[in-house]
Amino acid sequence: EGKLTGIFVDADLRRLLEGGDAGLLDRPVAEVMTRDPKRVRVGMLASEALHVINEYHIDELPVVDDRDRAVGLVDVQDLIEVGLAQP
């Protein structure tokens, strides 16, 4: 159905690599992704996305449509670049 079921970002990969799992790169991403991640809906304000990012201490936040399909991604670095967040 195209619905967002999980997310896997560079920080997830770093944590897993630090764990020393030799077979990590042979595992399906579905086994290691963050299931049911925090998300924002299309049309929400950037300030609302920043609030979620700050509240949950995350760097990437999927943007979904009304059917929960991923349509974009808000990265904290993007918010820093436009002056909504500080490094």
Protein backbone atom coordinates (compact mmCIF):
# COMPACT_ATOMS: atom_id res chain seq x y z
CA GLU A 1 0.00 0.00 0.00
CA GLY A 2 3.05 2.26 0.12
CA LYS A 3 2.58 3.17 3.77
CA LEU A 4 5.56 4.19 5.87
CA THR A 5 6.49 1.22 8.06
CA GLY A 6 9.97 2.20 9.16
CA ILE A 7 13.07 4.30 8.70
CA PHE A 8 16.76 3.50 8.62
CA VAL A 9 19.21 6.40 8.84
CA ASP A 10 22.97 6.79 9.12
CA ALA A 11 22.82 6.95 12.92
CA ASP A 12 21.08 3.55 12.95
CA LEU A 13 23.86 2.10 10.81
CA ARG A 14 26.56 3.55 13.06
CA ARG A 15 24.95 2.08 16.18
CA LEU A 16 24.68 -1.33 14.57
CA LEU A 17 28.26 -1.29 13.31
CA GLU A 18 29.49 -0.35 16.77
CA GLY A 19 27.71 -3.46 18.06
CA GLY A 20 30.13 -5.65 16.10
CA ASP A 21 27.49 -7.73 14.28
CA ALA A 22 29.56 -9.43 11.56
CA GLY A 23 26.50 -10.39 9.52
CA LEU A 24 24.87 -6.99 9.76
CA LEU A 25 25.19 -6.07 6.10
CA ASP A 26 23.58 -9.35 5.06
CA ARG A 27 20.43 -8.71 7.10
CA PRO A 28 17.29 -7.25 5.50
CA VAL A 29 16.73 -3.62 6.42
CA ALA A 30 13.29 -4.59 7.75
CA GLU A 31 15.08 -6.39 10.59
CA VAL A 32 17.10 -3.38 11.69
CA MET A 33 14.99 -0.34 10.83
CA THR A 34 13.09 1.74 13.36
CA ARG A 35 9.50 0.60 13.02
CA ASP A 36 6.64 3.09 13.21
CA PRO A 37 8.89 6.16 13.34
CA LYS A 38 7.77 9.60 14.40
CA ARG A 39 6.43 11.51 11.42
CA VAL A 40 4.74 14.73 10.37
CA ARG A 41 1.97 15.25 7.87
CA VAL A 42 2.11 17.26 4.67
CA GLY A 43 1.07 20.81 5.42
CA MET A 44 2.44 20.95 8.96
CA LEU A 45 4.62 23.94 9.75
CA ALA A 46 8.39 23.58 9.89
CA SER A 47 8.22 24.81 13.47
CA GLU A 48 5.97 21.83 14.32
CA ALA A 49 8.48 19.46 12.74
CA LEU A 50 11.25 21.09 14.76
CA HIS A 51 9.23 20.56 17.93
CA VAL A 52 8.98 16.80 17.17
CA ILE A 53 12.70 16.62 16.32
CA ASN A 54 13.62 18.32 19.60
CA GLU A 55 11.15 16.39 21.73
CA TYR A 56 12.33 12.98 20.53
CA HIS A 57 16.01 13.87 19.94
CA ILE A 58 15.99 12.75 16.32
CA ASP A 59 17.67 14.22 13.26
CA GLU A 60 15.41 12.99 10.45
CA LEU A 61 11.63 13.12 10.34
CA PRO A 62 9.58 11.54 7.55
CA VAL A 63 6.78 13.57 5.98
CA VAL A 64 3.68 11.56 5.05
CA ASP A 65 0.47 12.24 3.18
CA ASP A 66 -3.05 11.56 4.44
CA ARG A 67 -2.66 7.85 3.54
CA ASP A 68 0.59 7.59 5.53
CA ARG A 69 2.75 7.31 2.40
CA ALA A 70 6.21 8.87 2.63
CA VAL A 71 6.48 11.97 0.48
CA GLY A 72 9.54 13.66 1.98
CA LEU A 73 11.95 14.00 4.84
CA VAL A 74 12.77 16.86 7.18
CA ASP A 75 16.39 16.81 8.28
CA VAL A 76 17.49 18.93 11.21
CA GLN A 77 20.35 20.21 9.06
CA ASP A 78 17.79 21.68 6.66
CA LEU A 79 16.13 23.50 9.55
CA ILE A 80 19.51 24.84 10.67
CA GLU A 81 20.24 26.01 7.13
CA VAL A 82 17.05 28.09 6.94
CA GLY A 83 17.56 29.51 10.43
CA LEU A 84 14.79 27.66 12.29
CA ALA A 85 17.20 25.65 14.45
CA GLN A 86 20.64 26.16 15.90
CA PRO A 87 23.51 23.68 15.65
